[in-house]
Structures are given as structure tokens and as C-alpha cells.
């Protein structure tokens, strides 16, 4: 039975995997995807991103038999952490195939 104090429609899945981020200028950086849900993700990164920034992400699959999980996201929050920044992203679109 779902605890009614939990307001999320999707549960978070712990990932802790490297992820690639690309901004609108084509600059690519890597980070760590800490958790993933049906509507968003939380990333650990080395630099800050402004709220509202659109990012394209690529999370590699566990096997070469599968395509990476690619999304278009918006930064909802960026908070300083001991070793960088934590981003809260909303997933706007899940992309299929390369690009």
C-alpha cells in the first residue's frame, strides 16, 4: 500500500552511473546520475547550471545490446555540495536513437 506522505507518482531508482550532459552551446560534460524516476533525475556535477537550463543527457546502457537512455531535461534546481553541485532535472522528452 502506498504511503500517502509520498506524493510522487514515480518512485526513484538509485542509479549511481556516469552520465553525459550537453548544453545548448554543444559543450559536453560528465556527471553522476544518482537517481532516476519517471519524470526526473538527480545528478552530481562539477559545475553549476542555472535553473531553466535545457540539457541533453545520455546514460549508457549496461550492455552494448541496448541503446543509451537519452533525454532532454530542464534544470529545476542546482545546489552546492561538498564536491560540486547537485542538479534536480525534469525530464521533458525521452529521445530514441542517436542525436
PDB file of N, CA and C in Angstrom:
ATOM      1  N   UNK A   1       0.840  -1.178   0.000  1.00  0.00           N
ATOM      2  CA  UNK A   1       0.000   0.000   0.000  1.00  0.00           C
ATOM      3  C   UNK A   1       0.890   1.247   0.000  1.00  0.00           C
ATOM      4  N   UNK A   2       0.532   2.207  -0.802  1.00  0.00           N
ATOM      5  CA  UNK A   2       1.323   3.429  -0.935  1.00  0.00           C
ATOM      6  C   UNK A   2       1.124   4.325   0.274  1.00  0.00           C
ATOM      7  N   UNK A   3       2.242   4.802   0.833  1.00  0.00           N
ATOM      8  CA  UNK A   3       2.206   5.751   1.942  1.00  0.00           C
ATOM      9  C   UNK A   3       1.753   7.101   1.391  1.00  0.00           C
ATOM     10  N   UNK A   4       0.712   7.686   1.942  1.00  0.00           N
ATOM     11  CA  UNK A   4       0.161   8.922   1.407  1.00  0.00           C
ATOM     12  C   UNK A   4       1.022  10.135   1.693  1.00  0.00           C
ATOM     13  N   UNK A   5       2.075   9.997   2.516  1.00  0.00           N
ATOM     14  CA  UNK A   5       3.011  11.103   2.690  1.00  0.00           C
ATOM     15  C   UNK A   5       3.925  11.211   1.481  1.00  0.00           C
ATOM     16  N   UNK A   6       4.019  10.130   0.684  1.00  0.00           N
ATOM     17  CA  UNK A   6       4.823  10.128  -0.549  1.00  0.00           C
ATOM     18  C   UNK A   6       3.935  10.632  -1.669  1.00  0.00           C
ATOM     19  N   UNK A   7       4.223  11.830  -2.186  1.00  0.00           N
ATOM     20  CA  UNK A   7       3.363  12.466  -3.187  1.00  0.00           C
ATOM     21  C   UNK A   7       3.812  12.203  -4.612  1.00  0.00           C
ATOM     22  N   UNK A   8       4.942  11.527  -4.784  1.00  0.00           N
ATOM     23  CA  UNK A   8       5.459  11.279  -6.121  1.00  0.00           C
ATOM     24  C   UNK A   8       4.629  10.224  -6.846  1.00  0.00           C
ATOM     25  N   UNK A   9       4.464  10.409  -8.153  1.00  0.00           N
ATOM     26  CA  UNK A   9       3.775   9.417  -8.968  1.00  0.00           C
ATOM     27  C   UNK A   9       4.705   8.271  -9.335  1.00  0.00           C
ATOM     28  N   UNK A  10       6.015   8.557  -9.343  1.00  0.00           N
ATOM     29  CA  UNK A  10       7.013   7.555  -9.695  1.00  0.00           C
ATOM     30  C   UNK A  10       8.024   7.453  -8.566  1.00  0.00           C
ATOM     31  N   UNK A  11       8.426   6.243  -8.264  1.00  0.00           N
ATOM     32  CA  UNK A  11       9.466   6.045  -7.265  1.00  0.00           C
ATOM     33  C   UNK A  11      10.823   6.286  -7.884  1.00  0.00           C
ATOM     34  N   UNK A  12      11.764   6.729  -7.071  1.00  0.00           N
ATOM     35  CA  UNK A  12      13.131   6.954  -7.530  1.00  0.00           C
ATOM     36  C   UNK A  12      13.892   5.632  -7.543  1.00  0.00           C
ATOM     37  N   UNK A  13      14.688   5.459  -8.579  1.00  0.00           N
ATOM     38  CA  UNK A  13      15.541   4.290  -8.700  1.00  0.00           C
ATOM     39  C   UNK A  13      16.982   4.763  -8.549  1.00  0.00           C
ATOM     40  N   UNK A  14      17.714   4.204  -7.601  1.00  0.00           N
ATOM     41  CA  UNK A  14      19.122   4.548  -7.425  1.00  0.00           C
ATOM     42  C   UNK A  14      19.909   4.042  -8.624  1.00  0.00           C
ATOM     43  N   UNK A  15      20.746   4.908  -9.194  1.00  0.00           N
ATOM     44  CA  UNK A  15      21.484   4.553 -10.404  1.00  0.00           C
ATOM     45  C   UNK A  15      22.985   4.585 -10.162  1.00  0.00           C
ATOM     46  N   UNK A  16      23.521   5.739  -9.721  1.00  0.00           N
ATOM     47  CA  UNK A  16      24.957   5.924  -9.488  1.00  0.00           C
ATOM     48  C   UNK A  16      25.804   5.499 -10.685  1.00  0.00           C
ATOM     49  N   UNK A  17      25.483   6.074 -11.829  1.00  0.00           N
ATOM     50  CA  UNK A  17      26.172   5.764 -13.077  1.00  0.00           C
ATOM     51  C   UNK A  17      26.624   7.058 -13.751  1.00  0.00           C
ATOM     52  N   UNK A  18      27.717   6.984 -14.498  1.00  0.00           N
ATOM     53  CA  UNK A  18      28.187   8.158 -15.230  1.00  0.00           C
ATOM     54  C   UNK A  18      27.159   8.548 -16.287  1.00  0.00           C
ATOM     55  N   UNK A  19      26.982   9.862 -16.461  1.00  0.00           N
ATOM     56  CA  UNK A  19      26.039  10.387 -17.440  1.00  0.00           C
ATOM     57  C   UNK A  19      26.711  11.535 -18.181  1.00  0.00           C
ATOM     58  N   UNK A  20      26.363  11.701 -19.446  1.00  0.00           N
ATOM     59  CA  UNK A  20      26.895  12.777 -20.266  1.00  0.00           C
ATOM     60  C   UNK A  20      25.831  13.855 -20.413  1.00  0.00           C
ATOM     61  N   UNK A  21      26.233  15.126 -20.220  1.00  0.00           N
ATOM     62  CA  UNK A  21      25.332  16.273 -20.346  1.00  0.00           C
ATOM     63  C   UNK A  21      25.817  17.164 -21.471  1.00  0.00           C
ATOM     64  N   UNK A  22      24.913  17.629 -22.309  1.00  0.00           N
ATOM     65  CA  UNK A  22      25.267  18.562 -23.373  1.00  0.00           C
ATOM     66  C   UNK A  22      24.318  19.753 -23.293  1.00  0.00           C
ATOM     67  N   UNK A  23      24.897  20.973 -23.269  1.00  0.00           N
ATOM     68  CA  UNK A  23      24.052  22.166 -23.191  1.00  0.00           C
ATOM     69  C   UNK A  23      23.750  22.693 -24.592  1.00  0.00           C
ATOM     70  N   UNK A  24      23.025  23.804 -24.676  1.00  0.00           N
ATOM     71  CA  UNK A  24      22.595  24.345 -25.973  1.00  0.00           C
ATOM     72  C   UNK A  24      23.749  24.837 -26.833  1.00  0.00           C
ATOM     73  N   UNK A  25      24.903  25.064 -26.226  1.00  0.00           N
ATOM     74  CA  UNK A  25      26.083  25.517 -26.965  1.00  0.00           C
ATOM     75  C   UNK A  25      26.919  24.344 -27.481  1.00  0.00           C
ATOM     76  N   UNK A  26      26.505  23.125 -27.155  1.00  0.00           N
ATOM     77  CA  UNK A  26      27.229  21.939 -27.596  1.00  0.00           C
ATOM     78  C   UNK A  26      28.345  21.510 -26.658  1.00  0.00           C
ATOM     79  N   UNK A  27      28.487  22.193 -25.514  1.00  0.00           N
ATOM     80  CA  UNK A  27      29.509  21.802 -24.544  1.00  0.00           C
ATOM     81  C   UNK A  27      29.052  20.538 -23.826  1.00  0.00           C
ATOM     82  N   UNK A  28      29.934  19.557 -23.780  1.00  0.00           N
ATOM     83  CA  UNK A  28      29.615  18.277 -23.154  1.00  0.00           C
ATOM     84  C   UNK A  28      30.449  18.096 -21.898  1.00  0.00           C
ATOM     85  N   UNK A  29      29.782  17.643 -20.861  1.00  0.00           N
ATOM     86  CA  UNK A  29      30.424  17.361 -19.579  1.00  0.00           C
ATOM     87  C   UNK A  29      29.891  16.033 -19.070  1.00  0.00           C
ATOM     88  N   UNK A  30      30.591  15.479 -18.093  1.00  0.00           N
ATOM     89  CA  UNK A  30      30.097  14.256 -17.474  1.00  0.00           C
ATOM     90  C   UNK A  30      29.725  14.532 -16.027  1.00  0.00           C
ATOM     91  N   UNK A  31      28.876  13.701 -15.501  1.00  0.00           N
ATOM     92  CA  UNK A  31      28.457  13.764 -14.112  1.00  0.00           C
ATOM     93  C   UNK A  31      28.071  12.371 -13.666  1.00  0.00           C
ATOM     94  N   UNK A  32      27.474  12.292 -12.502  1.00  0.00           N
ATOM     95  CA  UNK A  32      26.989  11.019 -11.970  1.00  0.00           C
ATOM     96  C   UNK A  32      25.484  11.136 -11.775  1.00  0.00           C
ATOM     97  N   UNK A  33      24.742  10.233 -12.393  1.00  0.00           N
ATOM     98  CA  UNK A  33      23.297  10.170 -12.182  1.00  0.00           C
ATOM     99  C   UNK A  33      23.085   9.398 -10.880  1.00  0.00           C
ATOM    100  N   UNK A  34      22.573  10.082  -9.863  1.00  0.00           N
ATOM    101  CA  UNK A  34      22.368   9.463  -8.550  1.00  0.00           C
ATOM    102  C   UNK A  34      21.059   8.701  -8.483  1.00  0.00           C
ATOM    103  N   UNK A  35      20.006   9.285  -9.035  1.00  0.00           N
ATOM    104  CA  UNK A  35      18.738   8.563  -9.072  1.00  0.00           C
ATOM    105  C   UNK A  35      17.896   9.038 -10.248  1.00  0.00           C
ATOM    106  N   UNK A  36      16.942   8.186 -10.598  1.00  0.00           N
ATOM    107  CA  UNK A  36      16.127   8.386 -11.793  1.00  0.00           C
ATOM    108  C   UNK A  36      14.703   7.992 -11.460  1.00  0.00           C
ATOM    109  N   UNK A  37      13.751   8.779 -11.951  1.00  0.00           N
ATOM    110  CA  UNK A  37      12.338   8.418 -11.812  1.00  0.00           C
ATOM    111  C   UNK A  37      11.679   8.581 -13.176  1.00  0.00           C
ATOM    112  N   UNK A  38      10.398   8.378 -13.238  1.00  0.00           N
ATOM    113  CA  UNK A  38       9.689   8.501 -14.498  1.00  0.00           C
ATOM    114  C   UNK A  38       9.622   9.921 -15.031  1.00  0.00           C
ATOM    115  N   UNK A  39       9.851  10.911 -14.169  1.00  0.00           N
ATOM    116  CA  UNK A  39       9.720  12.304 -14.590  1.00  0.00           C
ATOM    117  C   UNK A  39      10.957  13.158 -14.349  1.00  0.00           C
ATOM    118  N   UNK A  40      11.991  12.595 -13.733  1.00  0.00           N
ATOM    119  CA  UNK A  40      13.171  13.401 -13.453  1.00  0.00           C
ATOM    120  C   UNK A  40      14.363  12.588 -13.012  1.00  0.00           C
ATOM    121  N   UNK A  41      15.445  13.301 -12.715  1.00  0.00           N
ATOM    122  CA  UNK A  41      16.659  12.656 -12.228  1.00  0.00           C
ATOM    123  C   UNK A  41      17.450  13.634 -11.381  1.00  0.00           C
ATOM    124  N   UNK A  42      18.331  13.067 -10.568  1.00  0.00           N
ATOM    125  CA  UNK A  42      19.225  13.863  -9.739  1.00  0.00           C
ATOM    126  C   UNK A  42      20.655  13.533 -10.138  1.00  0.00           C
ATOM    127  N   UNK A  43      21.444  14.578 -10.418  1.00  0.00           N
ATOM    128  CA  UNK A  43      22.813  14.407 -10.886  1.00  0.00           C
ATOM    129  C   UNK A  43      23.801  15.095  -9.959  1.00  0.00           C
ATOM    130  N   UNK A  44      24.993  14.527  -9.864  1.00  0.00           N
ATOM    131  CA  UNK A  44      26.135  15.159  -9.190  1.00  0.00           C
ATOM    132  C   UNK A  44      27.061  15.636 -10.301  1.00  0.00           C
ATOM    133  N   UNK A  45      27.379  16.938 -10.325  1.00  0.00           N
ATOM    134  CA  UNK A  45      28.198  17.522 -11.380  1.00  0.00           C
ATOM    135  C   UNK A  45      29.266  18.428 -10.776  1.00  0.00           C
ATOM    136  N   UNK A  46      30.246  18.803 -11.584  1.00  0.00           N
ATOM    137  CA  UNK A  46      31.359  19.607 -11.080  1.00  0.00           C
ATOM    138  C   UNK A  46      31.140  21.114 -11.230  1.00  0.00           C
ATOM    139  N   UNK A  47      30.148  21.517 -12.032  1.00  0.00           N
ATOM    140  CA  UNK A  47      29.891  22.948 -12.209  1.00  0.00           C
ATOM    141  C   UNK A  47      28.411  23.229 -12.061  1.00  0.00           C
ATOM    142  N   UNK A  48      28.107  24.470 -11.758  1.00  0.00           N
ATOM    143  CA  UNK A  48      26.716  24.886 -11.565  1.00  0.00           C
ATOM    144  C   UNK A  48      26.025  25.110 -12.901  1.00  0.00           C
ATOM    145  N   UNK A  49      24.725  24.890 -12.925  1.00  0.00           N
ATOM    146  CA  UNK A  49      23.875  25.198 -14.072  1.00  0.00           C
ATOM    147  C   UNK A  49      22.713  26.032 -13.554  1.00  0.00           C
ATOM    148  N   UNK A  50      22.318  27.035 -14.328  1.00  0.00           N
ATOM    149  CA  UNK A  50      21.208  27.899 -13.931  1.00  0.00           C
ATOM    150  C   UNK A  50      19.881  27.156 -14.043  1.00  0.00           C
ATOM    151  N   UNK A  51      18.968  27.492 -13.137  1.00  0.00           N
ATOM    152  CA  UNK A  51      17.615  26.942 -13.231  1.00  0.00           C
ATOM    153  C   UNK A  51      17.030  27.329 -14.577  1.00  0.00           C
ATOM    154  N   UNK A  52      16.313  26.409 -15.195  1.00  0.00           N
ATOM    155  CA  UNK A  52      15.708  26.651 -16.503  1.00  0.00           C
ATOM    156  C   UNK A  52      16.585  26.232 -17.669  1.00  0.00           C
ATOM    157  N   UNK A  53      17.863  25.904 -17.419  1.00  0.00           N
ATOM    158  CA  UNK A  53      18.764  25.471 -18.489  1.00  0.00           C
ATOM    159  C   UNK A  53      18.286  24.147 -19.071  1.00  0.00           C
ATOM    160  N   UNK A  54      18.259  24.055 -20.392  1.00  0.00           N
ATOM    161  CA  UNK A  54      17.916  22.802 -21.055  1.00  0.00           C
ATOM    162  C   UNK A  54      19.192  22.001 -21.285  1.00  0.00           C
ATOM    163  N   UNK A  55      19.157  20.730 -20.922  1.00  0.00           N
ATOM    164  CA  UNK A  55      20.294  19.835 -21.100  1.00  0.00           C
ATOM    165  C   UNK A  55      19.847  18.565 -21.804  1.00  0.00           C
ATOM    166  N   UNK A  56      20.705  18.080 -22.686  1.00  0.00           N
ATOM    167  CA  UNK A  56      20.503  16.771 -23.304  1.00  0.00           C
ATOM    168  C   UNK A  56      21.381  15.798 -22.528  1.00  0.00           C
ATOM    169  N   UNK A  57      20.810  14.675 -22.120  1.00  0.00           N
ATOM    170  CA  UNK A  57      21.567  13.712 -21.325  1.00  0.00           C
ATOM    171  C   UNK A  57      21.651  12.377 -22.040  1.00  0.00           C
ATOM    172  N   UNK A  58      22.700  11.632 -21.725  1.00  0.00           N
ATOM    173  CA  UNK A  58      22.861  10.284 -22.256  1.00  0.00           C
ATOM    174  C   UNK A  58      23.423   9.405 -21.149  1.00  0.00           C
ATOM    175  N   UNK A  59      22.633   8.432 -20.758  1.00  0.00           N
ATOM    176  CA  UNK A  59      23.001   7.475 -19.723  1.00  0.00           C
ATOM    177  C   UNK A  59      23.285   6.152 -20.416  1.00  0.00           C
ATOM    178  N   UNK A  60      24.534   5.661 -20.362  1.00  0.00           N
ATOM    179  CA  UNK A  60      24.860   4.436 -21.104  1.00  0.00           C
ATOM    180  C   UNK A  60      24.088   3.231 -20.573  1.00  0.00           C
ATOM    181  N   UNK A  61      23.794   2.316 -21.478  1.00  0.00           N
ATOM    182  CA  UNK A  61      23.129   1.069 -21.108  1.00  0.00           C
ATOM    183  C   UNK A  61      24.141   0.120 -20.478  1.00  0.00           C
ATOM    184  N   UNK A  62      23.644  -0.832 -19.735  1.00  0.00           N
ATOM    185  CA  UNK A  62      24.509  -1.803 -19.068  1.00  0.00           C
ATOM    186  C   UNK A  62      25.130  -2.788 -20.062  1.00  0.00           C
ATOM    187  N   UNK A  63      24.588  -2.842 -21.260  1.00  0.00           N
ATOM    188  CA  UNK A  63      25.056  -3.784 -22.269  1.00  0.00           C
ATOM    189  C   UNK A  63      25.061  -3.110 -23.639  1.00  0.00           C
ATOM    190  N   UNK A  64      25.978  -3.535 -24.514  1.00  0.00           N
ATOM    191  CA  UNK A  64      26.032  -2.998 -25.871  1.00  0.00           C
ATOM    192  C   UNK A  64      24.811  -3.382 -26.696  1.00  0.00           C
ATOM    193  N   UNK A  65      24.016  -4.303 -26.210  1.00  0.00           N
ATOM    194  CA  UNK A  65      22.814  -4.747 -26.922  1.00  0.00           C
ATOM    195  C   UNK A  65      21.693  -3.707 -26.860  1.00  0.00           C
ATOM    196  N   UNK A  66      21.843  -2.735 -25.971  1.00  0.00           N
ATOM    197  CA  UNK A  66      20.802  -1.727 -25.772  1.00  0.00           C
ATOM    198  C   UNK A  66      21.348  -0.335 -26.061  1.00  0.00           C
ATOM    199  N   UNK A  67      20.473   0.557 -26.487  1.00  0.00           N
ATOM    200  CA  UNK A  67      20.839   1.954 -26.730  1.00  0.00           C
ATOM    201  C   UNK A  67      20.925   2.690 -25.402  1.00  0.00           C
ATOM    202  N   UNK A  68      21.708   3.776 -25.357  1.00  0.00           N
ATOM    203  CA  UNK A  68      21.729   4.581 -24.137  1.00  0.00           C
ATOM    204  C   UNK A  68      20.364   5.234 -23.904  1.00  0.00           C
ATOM    205  N   UNK A  69      20.093   5.567 -22.642  1.00  0.00           N
ATOM    206  CA  UNK A  69      18.873   6.281 -22.275  1.00  0.00           C
ATOM    207  C   UNK A  69      19.156   7.761 -22.479  1.00  0.00           C
ATOM    208  N   UNK A  70      18.501   8.375 -23.476  1.00  0.00           N
ATOM    209  CA  UNK A  70      18.770   9.765 -23.829  1.00  0.00           C
ATOM    210  C   UNK A  70      17.536  10.618 -23.570  1.00  0.00           C
ATOM    211  N   UNK A  71      17.765  11.786 -22.960  1.00  0.00           N
ATOM    212  CA  UNK A  71      16.648  12.662 -22.623  1.00  0.00           C
ATOM    213  C   UNK A  71      16.964  14.119 -22.941  1.00  0.00           C
ATOM    214  N   UNK A  72      15.909  14.919 -22.962  1.00  0.00           N
ATOM    215  CA  UNK A  72      16.006  16.380 -22.946  1.00  0.00           C
ATOM    216  C   UNK A  72      15.388  16.781 -21.611  1.00  0.00           C
ATOM    217  N   UNK A  73      16.157  17.523 -20.803  1.00  0.00           N
ATOM    218  CA  UNK A  73      15.736  17.875 -19.446  1.00  0.00           C
ATOM    219  C   UNK A  73      15.851  19.374 -19.207  1.00  0.00           C
ATOM    220  N   UNK A  74      15.175  19.824 -18.149  1.00  0.00           N
ATOM    221  CA  UNK A  74      15.293  21.196 -17.677  1.00  0.00           C
ATOM    222  C   UNK A  74      15.789  21.168 -16.237  1.00  0.00           C
ATOM    223  N   UNK A  75      16.746  22.036 -15.924  1.00  0.00           N
ATOM    224  CA  UNK A  75      17.262  22.141 -14.564  1.00  0.00           C
ATOM    225  C   UNK A  75      16.203  22.820 -13.696  1.00  0.00           C
ATOM    226  N   UNK A  76      15.755  22.107 -12.660  1.00  0.00           N
ATOM    227  CA  UNK A  76      14.791  22.666 -11.710  1.00  0.00           C
ATOM    228  C   UNK A  76      15.489  23.311 -10.528  1.00  0.00           C
ATOM    229  N   UNK A  77      16.622  22.719 -10.129  1.00  0.00           N
ATOM    230  CA  UNK A  77      17.377  23.272  -9.008  1.00  0.00           C
ATOM    231  C   UNK A  77      18.832  22.862  -9.124  1.00  0.00           C
ATOM    232  N   UNK A  78      19.688  23.685  -8.550  1.00  0.00           N
ATOM    233  CA  UNK A  78      21.125  23.432  -8.520  1.00  0.00           C
ATOM    234  C   UNK A  78      21.616  23.880  -7.148  1.00  0.00           C
ATOM    235  N   UNK A  79      22.108  22.948  -6.355  1.00  0.00           N
ATOM    236  CA  UNK A  79      22.574  23.279  -5.013  1.00  0.00           C
ATOM    237  C   UNK A  79      24.026  22.857  -4.855  1.00  0.00           C
ATOM    238  N   UNK A  80      24.782  23.677  -4.138  1.00  0.00           N
ATOM    239  CA  UNK A  80      26.187  23.364  -3.883  1.00  0.00           C
ATOM    240  C   UNK A  80      26.273  22.152  -2.964  1.00  0.00           C
ATOM    241  N   UNK A  81      27.258  21.301  -3.239  1.00  0.00           N
ATOM    242  CA  UNK A  81      27.543  20.127  -2.412  1.00  0.00           C
ATOM    243  C   UNK A  81      29.036  20.138  -2.122  1.00  0.00           C
ATOM    244  N   UNK A  82      29.482  19.285  -1.234  1.00  0.00           N
ATOM    245  CA  UNK A  82      30.892  19.254  -0.844  1.00  0.00           C
ATOM    246  C   UNK A  82      31.837  19.110  -2.035  1.00  0.00           C
ATOM    247  N   UNK A  83      31.476  18.289  -2.975  1.00  0.00           N
ATOM    248  CA  UNK A  83      32.374  18.011  -4.098  1.00  0.00           C
ATOM    249  C   UNK A  83      31.785  18.441  -5.437  1.00  0.00           C
ATOM    250  N   UNK A  84      31.029  19.532  -5.452  1.00  0.00           N
ATOM    251  CA  UNK A  84      30.451  20.025  -6.704  1.00  0.00           C
ATOM    252  C   UNK A  84      29.047  20.543  -6.486  1.00  0.00           C
ATOM    253  N   UNK A  85      28.137  20.103  -7.348  1.00  0.00           N
ATOM    254  CA  UNK A  85      26.752  20.562  -7.312  1.00  0.00           C
ATOM    255  C   UNK A  85      25.812  19.392  -7.523  1.00  0.00           C
ATOM    256  N   UNK A  86      24.624  19.511  -6.974  1.00  0.00           N
ATOM    257  CA  UNK A  86      23.570  18.526  -7.191  1.00  0.00           C
ATOM    258  C   UNK A  86      22.492  19.205  -8.016  1.00  0.00           C
ATOM    259  N   UNK A  87      22.140  18.574  -9.144  1.00  0.00           N
ATOM    260  CA  UNK A  87      21.096  19.090 -10.023  1.00  0.00           C
ATOM    261  C   UNK A  87      19.839  18.255  -9.875  1.00  0.00           C
ATOM    262  N   UNK A  88      18.711  18.920  -9.820  1.00  0.00           N
ATOM    263  CA  UNK A  88      17.414  18.269  -9.942  1.00  0.00           C
ATOM    264  C   UNK A  88      16.888  18.592 -11.316  1.00  0.00           C
ATOM    265  N   UNK A  89      16.667  17.569 -12.145  1.00  0.00           N
ATOM    266  CA  UNK A  89      16.233  17.769 -13.526  1.00  0.00           C
ATOM    267  C   UNK A  89      14.834  17.209 -13.749  1.00  0.00           C
ATOM    268  N   UNK A  90      14.032  17.908 -14.526  1.00  0.00           N
ATOM    269  CA  UNK A  90      12.748  17.399 -15.002  1.00  0.00           C
ATOM    270  C   UNK A  90      12.969  16.850 -16.402  1.00  0.00           C
ATOM    271  N   UNK A  91      12.513  15.636 -16.649  1.00  0.00           N
ATOM    272  CA  UNK A  91      12.634  15.042 -17.981  1.00  0.00           C
ATOM    273  C   UNK A  91      11.484  15.564 -18.842  1.00  0.00           C
ATOM    274  N   UNK A  92      11.839  16.270 -19.919  1.00  0.00           N
ATOM    275  CA  UNK A  92      10.838  16.811 -20.847  1.00  0.00           C
ATOM    276  C   UNK A  92      10.535  15.839 -21.972  1.00  0.00           C
ATOM    277  N   UNK A  93      11.559  15.096 -22.392  1.00  0.00           N
ATOM    278  CA  UNK A  93      11.405  14.217 -23.540  1.00  0.00           C
ATOM    279  C   UNK A  93      12.436  13.093 -23.432  1.00  0.00           C
ATOM    280  N   UNK A  94      11.998  11.887 -23.760  1.00  0.00           N
ATOM    281  CA  UNK A  94      12.922  10.752 -23.899  1.00  0.00           C
ATOM    282  C   UNK A  94      13.159  10.591 -25.394  1.00  0.00           C
ATOM    283  N   UNK A  95      14.432  10.662 -25.781  1.00  0.00           N
ATOM    284  CA  UNK A  95      14.796  10.578 -27.201  1.00  0.00           C
ATOM    285  C   UNK A  95      15.052   9.122 -27.566  1.00  0.00           C
ATOM    286  N   UNK A  96      14.827   8.812 -28.815  1.00  0.00           N
ATOM    287  CA  UNK A  96      15.079   7.466 -29.328  1.00  0.00           C
ATOM    288  C   UNK A  96      16.138   7.550 -30.411  1.00  0.00           C
ATOM    289  N   UNK A  97      17.126   6.690 -30.328  1.00  0.00           N
ATOM    290  CA  UNK A  97      18.183   6.660 -31.344  1.00  0.00           C
ATOM    291  C   UNK A  97      19.216   7.718 -31.109  1.00  0.00           C
ATOM    292  N   UNK A  98      20.245   7.773 -31.948  1.00  0.00           N
ATOM    293  CA  UNK A  98      21.329   8.739 -31.781  1.00  0.00           C
ATOM    294  C   UNK A  98      20.859  10.172 -32.024  1.00  0.00           C
ATOM    295  N   UNK A  99      21.596  11.122 -31.365  1.00  0.00           N
ATOM    296  CA  UNK A  99      21.330  12.542 -31.586  1.00  0.00           C
ATOM    297  C   UNK A  99      20.351  13.034 -30.661  1.00  0.00           C
TER     298      UNK A  99
END
